[in-house]
Amino acid sequence: MAGKTVRIGFVGTGGIAGAHLRRLAEIPEAEIAALCDIDEARVKQAAAPFGAAVYTDAKKMIGEAKLDALYVCVPPFAHGDVEILAADKGIHLFVEKPVNLYLDQAKKAWQHIKKAGILTQVGYTLRYLPGPMRLKAFLTGKEVGAAHIFRWGGLPGTPWWRVYDKSGGQLVEMTTHQVDLLRWAMGEVEAVAASYSFKRLHRDDASTTVPDSQAVLLRFKSGAAATVSTGCAAGKAGQGGMYFMLKDAKAVLDGDTLTVSPEGVYEVPPAPAEQPSIDAAFVRAVASNQPKLLRSDFRDALITAAVTLAANRAAEEGRVIHVAELVGEEIYREGQ
């Protein structure tokens, strides 16, 4: 692609930020201009290959650096007003998932983003992968009776991830990808019920307060239902799967492989042509002002966060939670 140079800054240079920086380094139009992290040694190391300016104060970087776009790669609890500061300066945003652990902050950020008219992309990478793209194409126009999604894994070594009040648990921080894919492929989630278990499989680990396992029931506006099972106690034995029941058939998504059985009941779409990475799509969208290249804007991702946080509340309060109850009817219906 040929286009203008996009000057990019980062808030947060640990974890997933490294993957974004590596991909951006391969995009000619992307210029890594400034990086910020509270860990000065880490940000200096990340900035060195690019000759980027180094900051330890996000507000100062947003105020001083001449940026076209900003990546926000911080833990769920640590967003604060970064998105608002960037939006008010007209800086386009790439925000890692989930958009925020606190919906009030996320809703306020969305109002500033909407007012500024900037482009936004949230890091739901599954929307850019061949298998999920085939799944969405396959399910479009079809009635899904039910879906079952599971993601069983282990505990990351990151200390904040193990703390429920900082990560929100596996559903909010990791299985958000699968929940987002359900919304993308099946339509909007209306209501959520959930049951969690705590301190059964991790009873001897005082540092871990996230749920051991989470069982979630989603009701879609279409009338379809989905169950989501996720847990962080399986360690290296972890696995996952996505199953969809249609009339007289079953569809299974395993990584990038979509299988529909029995054969011949439905036509399965071919693999899509080569697609840009989520980072390349973002840079191209900013460089050419083409929002249609972006598949998960901030408002859309705010709803995904609300679905997972509704599950947390449903488990805590023992009742069904309507998603619109958390985000408000106006935001919930904006994209419809």
C-alpha atoms as a PDB file:
ATOM      1  CA  MET A   1       0.000   0.000   0.000  1.00  0.00           C
ATOM      2  CA  ALA A   2       1.093   3.538  -0.589  1.00  0.00           C
ATOM      3  CA  GLY A   3      -0.011   6.339   1.673  1.00  0.00           C
ATOM      4  CA  LYS A   4       1.042   8.968   4.148  1.00  0.00           C
ATOM      5  CA  THR A   5       3.239   8.143   7.107  1.00  0.00           C
ATOM      6  CA  VAL A   6       1.298   7.449  10.300  1.00  0.00           C
ATOM      7  CA  ARG A   7       3.153   8.607  13.412  1.00  0.00           C
ATOM      8  CA  ILE A   8       2.304   6.191  16.227  1.00  0.00           C
ATOM      9  CA  GLY A   9       2.705   6.314  19.989  1.00  0.00           C
ATOM     10  CA  PHE A  10       2.269   3.601  22.616  1.00  0.00           C
ATOM     11  CA  VAL A  11       1.021   3.732  26.190  1.00  0.00           C
ATOM     12  CA  GLY A  12       2.245   0.465  27.698  1.00  0.00           C
ATOM     13  CA  THR A  13       5.151  -1.471  26.175  1.00  0.00           C
ATOM     14  CA  GLY A  14       4.921  -4.827  27.973  1.00  0.00           C
ATOM     15  CA  GLY A  15       3.121  -8.011  26.950  1.00  0.00           C
ATOM     16  CA  ILE A  16       1.021  -7.702  23.790  1.00  0.00           C
ATOM     17  CA  ALA A  17       2.620  -4.361  22.877  1.00  0.00           C
ATOM     18  CA  GLY A  18       5.705  -6.262  21.697  1.00  0.00           C
ATOM     19  CA  ALA A  19       3.666  -8.191  19.113  1.00  0.00           C
ATOM     20  CA  HIS A  20       2.132  -4.976  17.785  1.00  0.00           C
ATOM     21  CA  LEU A  21       5.525  -3.277  17.583  1.00  0.00           C
ATOM     22  CA  ARG A  22       6.977  -6.204  15.613  1.00  0.00           C
ATOM     23  CA  ARG A  23       4.135  -6.122  13.088  1.00  0.00           C
ATOM     24  CA  LEU A  24       4.214  -2.340  12.783  1.00  0.00           C
ATOM     25  CA  ALA A  25       7.952  -2.469  12.067  1.00  0.00           C
ATOM     26  CA  GLU A  26       7.080  -4.311   8.828  1.00  0.00           C
ATOM     27  CA  ILE A  27       4.558  -1.702   7.642  1.00  0.00           C
ATOM     28  CA  PRO A  28       6.272   1.059   5.619  1.00  0.00           C
ATOM     29  CA  GLU A  29       3.657   3.695   6.478  1.00  0.00           C
ATOM     30  CA  ALA A  30       3.975   3.110  10.228  1.00  0.00           C
ATOM     31  CA  GLU A  31       6.459   5.270  12.141  1.00  0.00           C
ATOM     32  CA  ILE A  32       6.948   4.468  15.831  1.00  0.00           C
ATOM     33  CA  ALA A  33       7.383   7.983  17.142  1.00  0.00           C
ATOM     34  CA  ALA A  34       6.986   7.821  20.932  1.00  0.00           C
ATOM     35  CA  LEU A  35       6.592   5.176  23.622  1.00  0.00           C
ATOM     36  CA  CYS A  36       5.415   5.483  27.223  1.00  0.00           C
ATOM     37  CA  ASP A  37       5.571   3.076  30.149  1.00  0.00           C
ATOM     38  CA  ILE A  38       5.782   3.484  33.915  1.00  0.00           C
ATOM     39  CA  ASP A  39       8.771   1.097  33.781  1.00  0.00           C
ATOM     40  CA  GLU A  40      11.533   3.355  32.428  1.00  0.00           C
ATOM     41  CA  ALA A  41      13.973   0.529  31.681  1.00  0.00           C
ATOM     42  CA  ARG A  42      11.344  -1.380  29.736  1.00  0.00           C
ATOM     43  CA  VAL A  43      10.232   1.586  27.644  1.00  0.00           C
ATOM     44  CA  LYS A  44      13.821   2.528  26.800  1.00  0.00           C
ATOM     45  CA  GLN A  45      14.491  -1.008  25.615  1.00  0.00           C
ATOM     46  CA  ALA A  46      11.333  -1.027  23.493  1.00  0.00           C
ATOM     47  CA  ALA A  47      12.056   2.408  21.982  1.00  0.00           C
ATOM     48  CA  ALA A  48      15.698   1.781  21.066  1.00  0.00           C
ATOM     49  CA  PRO A  49      15.151  -0.121  17.758  1.00  0.00           C
ATOM     50  CA  PHE A  50      12.903   2.671  16.474  1.00  0.00           C
ATOM     51  CA  GLY A  51      14.730   5.724  17.788  1.00  0.00           C
ATOM     52  CA  ALA A  52      11.414   6.695  19.368  1.00  0.00           C
ATOM     53  CA  ALA A  53      10.983   9.311  22.071  1.00  0.00           C
ATOM     54  CA  VAL A  54      10.690   7.876  25.587  1.00  0.00           C
ATOM     55  CA  TYR A  55       8.141   8.908  28.203  1.00  0.00           C
ATOM     56  CA  THR A  56       7.008   7.633  31.595  1.00  0.00           C
ATOM     57  CA  ASP A  57       3.983   9.992  31.754  1.00  0.00           C
ATOM     58  CA  ALA A  58       1.193   9.304  29.256  1.00  0.00           C
ATOM     59  CA  LYS A  59      -0.388  12.744  29.635  1.00  0.00           C
ATOM     60  CA  LYS A  60       2.940  14.415  28.851  1.00  0.00           C
ATOM     61  CA  MET A  61       3.509  12.227  25.780  1.00  0.00           C
ATOM     62  CA  ILE A  62       0.035  12.868  24.394  1.00  0.00           C
ATOM     63  CA  GLY A  63       0.503  16.577  24.975  1.00  0.00           C
ATOM     64  CA  GLU A  64       4.013  16.859  23.487  1.00  0.00           C
ATOM     65  CA  ALA A  65       4.513  14.209  20.815  1.00  0.00           C
ATOM     66  CA  LYS A  66       3.078  14.832  17.361  1.00  0.00           C
ATOM     67  CA  LEU A  67       1.032  11.668  16.919  1.00  0.00           C
ATOM     68  CA  ASP A  68      -1.491  10.512  14.351  1.00  0.00           C
ATOM     69  CA  ALA A  69      -2.404   7.354  16.266  1.00  0.00           C
ATOM     70  CA  LEU A  70      -1.974   5.871  19.719  1.00  0.00           C
ATOM     71  CA  TYR A  71      -1.882   2.251  20.883  1.00  0.00           C
ATOM     72  CA  VAL A  72      -3.194   1.739  24.423  1.00  0.00           C
ATOM     73  CA  CYS A  73      -1.769  -1.550  25.754  1.00  0.00           C
ATOM     74  CA  VAL A  74      -2.381  -1.404  29.498  1.00  0.00           C
ATOM     75  CA  PRO A  75      -4.073  -3.829  31.934  1.00  0.00           C
ATOM     76  CA  PRO A  76      -7.892  -3.627  32.184  1.00  0.00           C
ATOM     77  CA  PHE A  77      -7.815  -1.629  35.429  1.00  0.00           C
ATOM     78  CA  ALA A  78      -5.215   0.912  34.292  1.00  0.00           C
ATOM     79  CA  HIS A  79      -6.816   2.888  31.438  1.00  0.00           C
ATOM     80  CA  GLY A  80      -7.774   5.999  33.356  1.00  0.00           C
ATOM     81  CA  ASP A  81      -8.311   8.940  30.995  1.00  0.00           C
ATOM     82  CA  VAL A  82      -5.738   7.987  28.319  1.00  0.00           C
ATOM     83  CA  GLU A  83      -8.356   7.470  25.594  1.00  0.00           C
ATOM     84  CA  ILE A  84     -10.082  10.735  26.470  1.00  0.00           C
ATOM     85  CA  LEU A  85      -6.837  12.733  26.317  1.00  0.00           C
ATOM     86  CA  ALA A  86      -5.982  11.238  22.927  1.00  0.00           C
ATOM     87  CA  ALA A  87      -9.475  11.683  21.490  1.00  0.00           C
ATOM     88  CA  ASP A  88      -9.572  15.331  22.537  1.00  0.00           C
ATOM     89  CA  LYS A  89      -6.372  15.879  20.536  1.00  0.00           C
ATOM     90  CA  GLY A  90      -7.792  14.126  17.473  1.00  0.00           C
ATOM     91  CA  ILE A  91      -5.442  11.139  17.803  1.00  0.00           C
ATOM     92  CA  HIS A  92      -6.795   7.876  16.360  1.00  0.00           C
ATOM     93  CA  LEU A  93      -6.885   4.970  18.816  1.00  0.00           C
ATOM     94  CA  PHE A  94      -5.952   1.311  18.844  1.00  0.00           C
ATOM     95  CA  VAL A  95      -7.015  -0.045  22.241  1.00  0.00           C
ATOM     96  CA  GLU A  96      -6.136  -3.513  23.451  1.00  0.00           C
ATOM     97  CA  LYS A  97      -8.984  -5.640  24.754  1.00  0.00           C
ATOM     98  CA  PRO A  98     -10.884  -5.386  26.995  1.00  0.00           C
ATOM     99  CA  VAL A  99     -11.454  -1.665  26.589  1.00  0.00           C
ATOM    100  CA  ASN A 100     -11.735  -1.144  30.346  1.00  0.00           C
ATOM    101  CA  LEU A 101     -12.592  -2.929  33.575  1.00  0.00           C
ATOM    102  CA  TYR A 102     -14.778   0.035  34.556  1.00  0.00           C
ATOM    103  CA  LEU A 103     -17.717   0.650  32.231  1.00  0.00           C
ATOM    104  CA  ASP A 104     -18.287   4.212  33.442  1.00  0.00           C
ATOM    105  CA  GLN A 105     -14.778   5.133  32.259  1.00  0.00           C
ATOM    106  CA  ALA A 106     -15.312   3.318  28.957  1.00  0.00           C
ATOM    107  CA  LYS A 107     -18.660   5.010  28.334  1.00  0.00           C
ATOM    108  CA  LYS A 108     -17.150   8.424  29.032  1.00  0.00           C
ATOM    109  CA  ALA A 109     -14.273   7.643  26.660  1.00  0.00           C
ATOM    110  CA  TRP A 110     -16.752   6.639  23.957  1.00  0.00           C
ATOM    111  CA  GLN A 111     -18.550   9.992  24.207  1.00  0.00           C
ATOM    112  CA  HIS A 112     -15.245  11.839  23.682  1.00  0.00           C
ATOM    113  CA  ILE A 113     -14.284   9.502  20.821  1.00  0.00           C
ATOM    114  CA  LYS A 114     -17.628  10.022  19.102  1.00  0.00           C
ATOM    115  CA  LYS A 115     -17.418  13.795  19.503  1.00  0.00           C
ATOM    116  CA  ALA A 116     -13.859  13.876  18.112  1.00  0.00           C
ATOM    117  CA  GLY A 117     -14.775  11.705  15.098  1.00  0.00           C
ATOM    118  CA  ILE A 118     -11.533   9.736  15.335  1.00  0.00           C
ATOM    119  CA  LEU A 119     -11.016   6.183  14.078  1.00  0.00           C
ATOM    120  CA  THR A 120     -10.817   3.400  16.641  1.00  0.00           C
ATOM    121  CA  GLN A 121      -9.825  -0.266  16.563  1.00  0.00           C
ATOM    122  CA  VAL A 122      -9.850  -2.683  19.494  1.00  0.00           C
ATOM    123  CA  GLY A 123      -7.542  -5.704  19.476  1.00  0.00           C
ATOM    124  CA  TYR A 124     -10.026  -8.454  18.629  1.00  0.00           C
ATOM    125  CA  THR A 125      -7.667 -10.287  16.315  1.00  0.00           C
ATOM    126  CA  LEU A 126     -10.023 -13.214  15.642  1.00  0.00           C
ATOM    127  CA  ARG A 127     -12.052 -10.968  13.335  1.00  0.00           C
ATOM    128  CA  TYR A 128      -9.044 -10.821  11.011  1.00  0.00           C
ATOM    129  CA  LEU A 129      -8.286 -14.551  10.879  1.00  0.00           C
ATOM    130  CA  PRO A 130      -9.451 -16.901   8.071  1.00  0.00           C
ATOM    131  CA  GLY A 131     -11.370 -19.400  10.228  1.00  0.00           C
ATOM    132  CA  PRO A 132     -13.510 -16.867  12.090  1.00  0.00           C
ATOM    133  CA  MET A 133     -14.094 -14.961   8.841  1.00  0.00           C
ATOM    134  CA  ARG A 134     -15.388 -18.174   7.233  1.00  0.00           C
ATOM    135  CA  LEU A 135     -17.566 -18.812  10.289  1.00  0.00           C
ATOM    136  CA  LYS A 136     -19.152 -15.362  10.058  1.00  0.00           C
ATOM    137  CA  ALA A 137     -19.747 -15.774   6.329  1.00  0.00           C
ATOM    138  CA  PHE A 138     -21.253 -19.223   6.912  1.00  0.00           C
ATOM    139  CA  LEU A 139     -23.618 -18.171   9.710  1.00  0.00           C
ATOM    140  CA  THR A 140     -24.825 -15.009   7.964  1.00  0.00           C
ATOM    141  CA  GLY A 141     -28.469 -15.496   7.011  1.00  0.00           C
ATOM    142  CA  LYS A 142     -28.783 -18.801   8.909  1.00  0.00           C
ATOM    143  CA  GLU A 143     -30.597 -19.541  12.153  1.00  0.00           C
ATOM    144  CA  VAL A 144     -28.346 -20.809  14.925  1.00  0.00           C
ATOM    145  CA  GLY A 145     -30.190 -22.744  17.601  1.00  0.00           C
ATOM    146  CA  ALA A 146     -27.390 -22.892  20.142  1.00  0.00           C
ATOM    147  CA  ALA A 147     -23.655 -22.506  20.534  1.00  0.00           C
ATOM    148  CA  HIS A 148     -21.199 -23.922  23.040  1.00  0.00           C
ATOM    149  CA  ILE A 149     -17.840 -22.294  23.586  1.00  0.00           C
ATOM    150  CA  PHE A 150     -15.134 -23.408  25.984  1.00  0.00           C
ATOM    151  CA  ARG A 151     -11.651 -22.146  26.775  1.00  0.00           C
ATOM    152  CA  TRP A 152      -9.777 -23.955  29.525  1.00  0.00           C
ATOM    153  CA  GLY A 153      -6.257 -22.807  30.302  1.00  0.00           C
ATOM    154  CA  GLY A 154      -3.809 -22.008  33.056  1.00  0.00           C
ATOM    155  CA  LEU A 155      -2.728 -19.036  35.134  1.00  0.00           C
ATOM    156  CA  PRO A 156      -0.418 -16.509  33.457  1.00  0.00           C
ATOM    157  CA  GLY A 157       2.599 -15.461  35.475  1.00  0.00           C
ATOM    158  CA  THR A 158       1.552 -11.800  35.414  1.00  0.00           C
ATOM    159  CA  PRO A 159       0.697 -10.860  39.032  1.00  0.00           C
ATOM    160  CA  TRP A 160      -2.132  -8.412  38.225  1.00  0.00           C
ATOM    161  CA  TRP A 161      -3.889 -10.996  36.021  1.00  0.00           C
ATOM    162  CA  ARG A 162      -4.461 -13.291  39.040  1.00  0.00           C
ATOM    163  CA  VAL A 163      -6.277 -10.545  40.962  1.00  0.00           C
ATOM    164  CA  TYR A 164     -10.013 -10.437  40.210  1.00  0.00           C
ATOM    165  CA  ASP A 165     -10.299  -6.699  40.897  1.00  0.00           C
ATOM    166  CA  LYS A 166      -7.542  -5.963  38.364  1.00  0.00           C
ATOM    167  CA  SER A 167      -8.125  -8.361  35.469  1.00  0.00           C
ATOM    168  CA  GLY A 168     -11.804  -9.176  35.870  1.00  0.00           C
ATOM    169  CA  GLY A 169     -10.972 -12.880  35.533  1.00  0.00           C
ATOM    170  CA  GLN A 170     -10.413 -15.090  32.530  1.00  0.00           C
ATOM    171  CA  LEU A 171     -13.762 -14.346  30.875  1.00  0.00           C
ATOM    172  CA  VAL A 172     -13.152 -10.580  30.892  1.00  0.00           C
ATOM    173  CA  GLU A 173      -9.440 -10.653  30.040  1.00  0.00           C
ATOM    174  CA  MET A 174      -8.966 -13.685  27.755  1.00  0.00           C
ATOM    175  CA  THR A 175     -12.202 -15.392  26.769  1.00  0.00           C
ATOM    176  CA  THR A 176     -13.402 -11.958  25.716  1.00  0.00           C
ATOM    177  CA  HIS A 177     -12.044 -13.008  22.288  1.00  0.00           C
ATOM    178  CA  GLN A 178     -14.519 -15.896  22.036  1.00  0.00           C
ATOM    179  CA  VAL A 179     -17.411 -13.804  23.374  1.00  0.00           C
ATOM    180  CA  ASP A 180     -16.614 -11.108  20.826  1.00  0.00           C
ATOM    181  CA  LEU A 181     -16.562 -13.704  18.037  1.00  0.00           C
ATOM    182  CA  LEU A 182     -19.997 -14.948  19.144  1.00  0.00           C
ATOM    183  CA  ARG A 183     -21.373 -11.404  18.892  1.00  0.00           C
ATOM    184  CA  TRP A 184     -19.708 -10.845  15.510  1.00  0.00           C
ATOM    185  CA  ALA A 185     -21.026 -14.088  14.028  1.00  0.00           C
ATOM    186  CA  MET A 186     -24.420 -14.477  15.765  1.00  0.00           C
ATOM    187  CA  GLY A 187     -25.649 -10.967  16.554  1.00  0.00           C
ATOM    188  CA  GLU A 188     -26.219  -9.023  19.747  1.00  0.00           C
ATOM    189  CA  VAL A 189     -26.357 -10.522  23.229  1.00  0.00           C
ATOM    190  CA  GLU A 190     -29.397  -9.398  25.205  1.00  0.00           C
ATOM    191  CA  ALA A 191     -29.061 -10.993  28.645  1.00  0.00           C
ATOM    192  CA  VAL A 192     -26.537 -12.950  30.713  1.00  0.00           C
ATOM    193  CA  ALA A 193     -26.651 -15.447  33.587  1.00  0.00           C
ATOM    194  CA  ALA A 194     -23.605 -17.031  35.227  1.00  0.00           C
ATOM    195  CA  SER A 195     -22.220 -19.252  37.967  1.00  0.00           C
ATOM    196  CA  TYR A 196     -18.571 -19.124  39.115  1.00  0.00           C
ATOM    197  CA  SER A 197     -16.413 -21.164  41.467  1.00  0.00           C
ATOM    198  CA  PHE A 198     -13.654 -19.606  43.581  1.00  0.00           C
ATOM    199  CA  LYS A 199     -10.813 -21.073  45.644  1.00  0.00           C
ATOM    200  CA  ARG A 200     -11.522 -24.710  44.868  1.00  0.00           C
ATOM    201  CA  LEU A 201      -8.681 -25.582  42.517  1.00  0.00           C
ATOM    202  CA  HIS A 202      -6.568 -22.603  43.648  1.00  0.00           C
ATOM    203  CA  ARG A 203      -7.355 -22.803  47.361  1.00  0.00           C
ATOM    204  CA  ASP A 204      -3.645 -23.004  48.267  1.00  0.00           C
ATOM    205  CA  ASP A 205      -2.644 -19.937  46.234  1.00  0.00           C
ATOM    206  CA  ALA A 206      -3.263 -16.780  48.267  1.00  0.00           C
ATOM    207  CA  SER A 207      -2.186 -14.520  45.378  1.00  0.00           C
ATOM    208  CA  THR A 208      -4.976 -15.783  43.112  1.00  0.00           C
ATOM    209  CA  THR A 209      -8.480 -14.339  43.553  1.00  0.00           C
ATOM    210  CA  VAL A 210      -9.863 -14.842  40.015  1.00  0.00           C
ATOM    211  CA  PRO A 211     -12.501 -17.586  39.602  1.00  0.00           C
ATOM    212  CA  ASP A 212     -11.281 -21.145  39.047  1.00  0.00           C
ATOM    213  CA  SER A 213     -14.101 -21.741  36.602  1.00  0.00           C
ATOM    214  CA  GLN A 214     -16.863 -19.696  35.001  1.00  0.00           C
ATOM    215  CA  ALA A 215     -20.050 -20.996  33.399  1.00  0.00           C
ATOM    216  CA  VAL A 216     -22.052 -18.426  31.442  1.00  0.00           C
ATOM    217  CA  LEU A 217     -25.384 -18.510  29.619  1.00  0.00           C
ATOM    218  CA  LEU A 218     -25.968 -15.909  26.906  1.00  0.00           C
ATOM    219  CA  ARG A 219     -29.343 -15.058  25.392  1.00  0.00           C
ATOM    220  CA  PHE A 220     -29.192 -13.378  21.979  1.00  0.00           C
ATOM    221  CA  LYS A 221     -31.730 -10.947  20.567  1.00  0.00           C
ATOM    222  CA  SER A 222     -32.340 -13.492  17.800  1.00  0.00           C
ATOM    223  CA  GLY A 223     -33.622 -15.995  20.373  1.00  0.00           C
ATOM    224  CA  ALA A 224     -30.520 -18.190  20.152  1.00  0.00           C
ATOM    225  CA  ALA A 225     -28.632 -19.241  23.273  1.00  0.00           C
ATOM    226  CA  ALA A 226     -24.955 -19.915  23.929  1.00  0.00           C
ATOM    227  CA  THR A 227     -23.041 -21.437  26.809  1.00  0.00           C
ATOM    228  CA  VAL A 228     -19.512 -20.302  27.575  1.00  0.00           C
ATOM    229  CA  SER A 229     -17.290 -22.377  29.852  1.00  0.00           C
ATOM    230  CA  THR A 230     -13.915 -20.998  30.839  1.00  0.00           C
ATOM    231  CA  GLY A 231     -11.396 -21.674  33.572  1.00  0.00           C
ATOM    232  CA  CYS A 232      -7.760 -21.088  34.467  1.00  0.00           C
ATOM    233  CA  ALA A 233      -6.869 -24.240  36.394  1.00  0.00           C
ATOM    234  CA  ALA A 234      -6.111 -26.681  33.554  1.00  0.00           C
ATOM    235  CA  GLY A 235      -2.502 -25.586  33.069  1.00  0.00           C
ATOM    236  CA  LYS A 236      -0.790 -27.250  30.119  1.00  0.00           C
ATOM    237  CA  ALA A 237      -3.802 -29.544  29.663  1.00  0.00           C
ATOM    238  CA  GLY A 238      -5.892 -26.584  28.525  1.00  0.00           C
ATOM    239  CA  GLN A 239      -7.865 -26.609  25.302  1.00  0.00           C
ATOM    240  CA  GLY A 240     -10.794 -24.874  23.648  1.00  0.00           C
ATOM    241  CA  GLY A 241     -13.533 -25.246  21.083  1.00  0.00           C
ATOM    242  CA  MET A 242     -16.476 -23.529  19.410  1.00  0.00           C
ATOM    243  CA  TYR A 243     -19.598 -25.488  18.409  1.00  0.00           C
ATOM    244  CA  PHE A 244     -22.745 -24.258  16.657  1.00  0.00           C
ATOM    245  CA  MET A 245     -26.044 -26.129  16.223  1.00  0.00           C
ATOM    246  CA  LEU A 246     -28.113 -25.433  13.110  1.00  0.00           C
ATOM    247  CA  LYS A 247     -31.115 -27.315  11.743  1.00  0.00           C
ATOM    248  CA  ASP A 248     -29.880 -30.817  10.907  1.00  0.00           C
ATOM    249  CA  ALA A 249     -26.221 -29.820  11.142  1.00  0.00           C
ATOM    250  CA  LYS A 250     -23.315 -28.863  13.368  1.00  0.00           C
ATOM    251  CA  ALA A 251     -20.526 -26.362  12.664  1.00  0.00           C
ATOM    252  CA  VAL A 252     -17.213 -26.556  14.515  1.00  0.00           C
ATOM    253  CA  LEU A 253     -14.496 -23.909  14.509  1.00  0.00           C
ATOM    254  CA  ASP A 254     -11.092 -25.263  15.533  1.00  0.00           C
ATOM    255  CA  GLY A 255      -8.443 -22.594  15.099  1.00  0.00           C
ATOM    256  CA  ASP A 256      -8.620 -21.654  11.432  1.00  0.00           C
ATOM    257  CA  THR A 257     -10.511 -24.807  10.424  1.00  0.00           C
ATOM    258  CA  LEU A 258     -14.288 -24.663   9.948  1.00  0.00           C
ATOM    259  CA  THR A 259     -16.033 -28.037   9.670  1.00  0.00           C
ATOM    260  CA  VAL A 260     -19.740 -28.521   8.931  1.00  0.00           C
ATOM    261  CA  SER A 261     -21.320 -31.950   9.302  1.00  0.00           C
ATOM    262  CA  PRO A 262     -22.942 -33.854   7.819  1.00  0.00           C
ATOM    263  CA  GLU A 263     -21.456 -32.872   4.484  1.00  0.00           C
ATOM    264  CA  GLY A 264     -23.802 -31.514   1.864  1.00  0.00           C
ATOM    265  CA  VAL A 265     -26.448 -30.053   4.168  1.00  0.00           C
ATOM    266  CA  TYR A 266     -24.983 -26.572   3.831  1.00  0.00           C
ATOM    267  CA  GLU A 267     -22.472 -25.027   1.480  1.00  0.00           C
ATOM    268  CA  VAL A 268     -19.327 -23.967   3.326  1.00  0.00           C
ATOM    269  CA  PRO A 269     -17.687 -20.742   2.098  1.00  0.00           C
ATOM    270  CA  PRO A 270     -14.120 -20.983   0.768  1.00  0.00           C
ATOM    271  CA  ALA A 271     -11.182 -19.606   2.695  1.00  0.00           C
ATOM    272  CA  PRO A 272     -10.994 -15.821   2.263  1.00  0.00           C
ATOM    273  CA  ALA A 273      -8.297 -14.181   0.193  1.00  0.00           C
ATOM    274  CA  GLU A 274      -5.200 -13.050   2.050  1.00  0.00           C
ATOM    275  CA  GLN A 275      -6.165 -10.429   4.596  1.00  0.00           C
ATOM    276  CA  PRO A 276      -4.146  -7.675   6.277  1.00  0.00           C
ATOM    277  CA  SER A 277      -3.191  -8.138   9.911  1.00  0.00           C
ATOM    278  CA  ILE A 278      -5.187  -6.158  12.447  1.00  0.00           C
ATOM    279  CA  ASP A 279      -2.268  -3.704  12.683  1.00  0.00           C
ATOM    280  CA  ALA A 280      -1.948  -3.269   8.916  1.00  0.00           C
ATOM    281  CA  ALA A 281      -5.696  -2.675   8.678  1.00  0.00           C
ATOM    282  CA  PHE A 282      -5.487   0.015  11.363  1.00  0.00           C
ATOM    283  CA  VAL A 283      -2.557   1.813   9.750  1.00  0.00           C
ATOM    284  CA  ARG A 284      -4.236   1.692   6.336  1.00  0.00           C
ATOM    285  CA  ALA A 285      -7.490   3.008   7.762  1.00  0.00           C
ATOM    286  CA  VAL A 286      -5.739   5.947   9.419  1.00  0.00           C
ATOM    287  CA  ALA A 287      -3.516   6.692   6.420  1.00  0.00           C
ATOM    288  CA  SER A 288      -6.431   6.697   3.963  1.00  0.00           C
ATOM    289  CA  ASN A 289      -9.324   7.653   6.297  1.00  0.00           C
ATOM    290  CA  GLN A 290     -11.224   4.429   5.573  1.00  0.00           C
ATOM    291  CA  PRO A 291     -13.130   3.364   8.707  1.00  0.00           C
ATOM    292  CA  LYS A 292     -14.676   0.408   6.851  1.00  0.00           C
ATOM    293  CA  LEU A 293     -11.300  -1.364   7.081  1.00  0.00           C
ATOM    294  CA  LEU A 294     -11.811  -1.632  10.860  1.00  0.00           C
ATOM    295  CA  ARG A 295     -13.920  -4.513  12.203  1.00  0.00           C
ATOM    296  CA  SER A 296     -14.153  -3.695  15.906  1.00  0.00           C
ATOM    297  CA  ASP A 297     -14.504  -0.065  16.868  1.00  0.00           C
ATOM    298  CA  PHE A 298     -14.556   1.191  20.448  1.00  0.00           C
ATOM    299  CA  ARG A 299     -18.344   1.151  20.847  1.00  0.00           C
ATOM    300  CA  ASP A 300     -18.606  -2.386  19.492  1.00  0.00           C
ATOM    301  CA  ALA A 301     -15.849  -3.559  21.846  1.00  0.00           C
ATOM    302  CA  LEU A 302     -17.490  -1.695  24.724  1.00  0.00           C
ATOM    303  CA  ILE A 303     -20.510  -3.973  24.263  1.00  0.00           C
ATOM    304  CA  THR A 304     -18.279  -7.075  24.347  1.00  0.00           C
ATOM    305  CA  ALA A 305     -16.758  -5.822  27.610  1.00  0.00           C
ATOM    306  CA  ALA A 306     -20.247  -5.189  28.961  1.00  0.00           C
ATOM    307  CA  VAL A 307     -21.324  -8.771  28.162  1.00  0.00           C
ATOM    308  CA  THR A 308     -18.412 -10.232  30.123  1.00  0.00           C
ATOM    309  CA  LEU A 309     -18.816  -7.790  33.004  1.00  0.00           C
ATOM    310  CA  ALA A 310     -22.543  -8.579  33.041  1.00  0.00           C
ATOM    311  CA  ALA A 311     -21.557 -12.210  33.608  1.00  0.00           C
ATOM    312  CA  ASN A 312     -19.414 -11.182  36.584  1.00  0.00           C
ATOM    313  CA  ARG A 313     -22.326  -9.257  38.060  1.00  0.00           C
ATOM    314  CA  ALA A 314     -24.781 -12.071  37.332  1.00  0.00           C
ATOM    315  CA  ALA A 315     -22.562 -14.521  39.217  1.00  0.00           C
ATOM    316  CA  GLU A 316     -22.143 -12.109  42.125  1.00  0.00           C
ATOM    317  CA  GLU A 317     -25.846 -11.173  42.411  1.00  0.00           C
ATOM    318  CA  GLY A 318     -27.423 -14.460  41.391  1.00  0.00           C
ATOM    319  CA  ARG A 319     -29.702 -12.932  38.775  1.00  0.00           C
ATOM    320  CA  VAL A 320     -30.012 -12.377  35.040  1.00  0.00           C
ATOM    321  CA  ILE A 321     -28.335  -9.163  33.876  1.00  0.00           C
ATOM    322  CA  HIS A 322     -29.458  -7.320  30.738  1.00  0.00           C
ATOM    323  CA  VAL A 323     -26.525  -5.853  28.806  1.00  0.00           C
ATOM    324  CA  ALA A 324     -28.381  -2.591  28.135  1.00  0.00           C
ATOM    325  CA  GLU A 325     -28.738  -2.247  31.912  1.00  0.00           C
ATOM    326  CA  LEU A 326     -24.964  -1.799  32.178  1.00  0.00           C
ATOM    327  CA  VAL A 327     -24.198   0.356  29.130  1.00  0.00           C
ATOM    328  CA  GLY A 328     -27.468   2.231  28.737  1.00  0.00           C
ATOM    329  CA  GLU A 329     -30.035   1.834  25.979  1.00  0.00           C
ATOM    330  CA  GLU A 330     -28.532   4.567  23.772  1.00  0.00           C
ATOM    331  CA  ILE A 331     -25.063   3.009  23.520  1.00  0.00           C
ATOM    332  CA  TYR A 332     -26.488  -0.517  23.326  1.00  0.00           C
ATOM    333  CA  ARG A 333     -28.650   0.359  20.317  1.00  0.00           C
ATOM    334  CA  GLU A 334     -26.236   2.743  18.549  1.00  0.00           C
ATOM    335  CA  GLY A 335     -24.794   0.138  16.220  1.00  0.00           C
ATOM    336  CA  GLN A 336     -28.139  -1.420  15.297  1.00  0.00           C
END
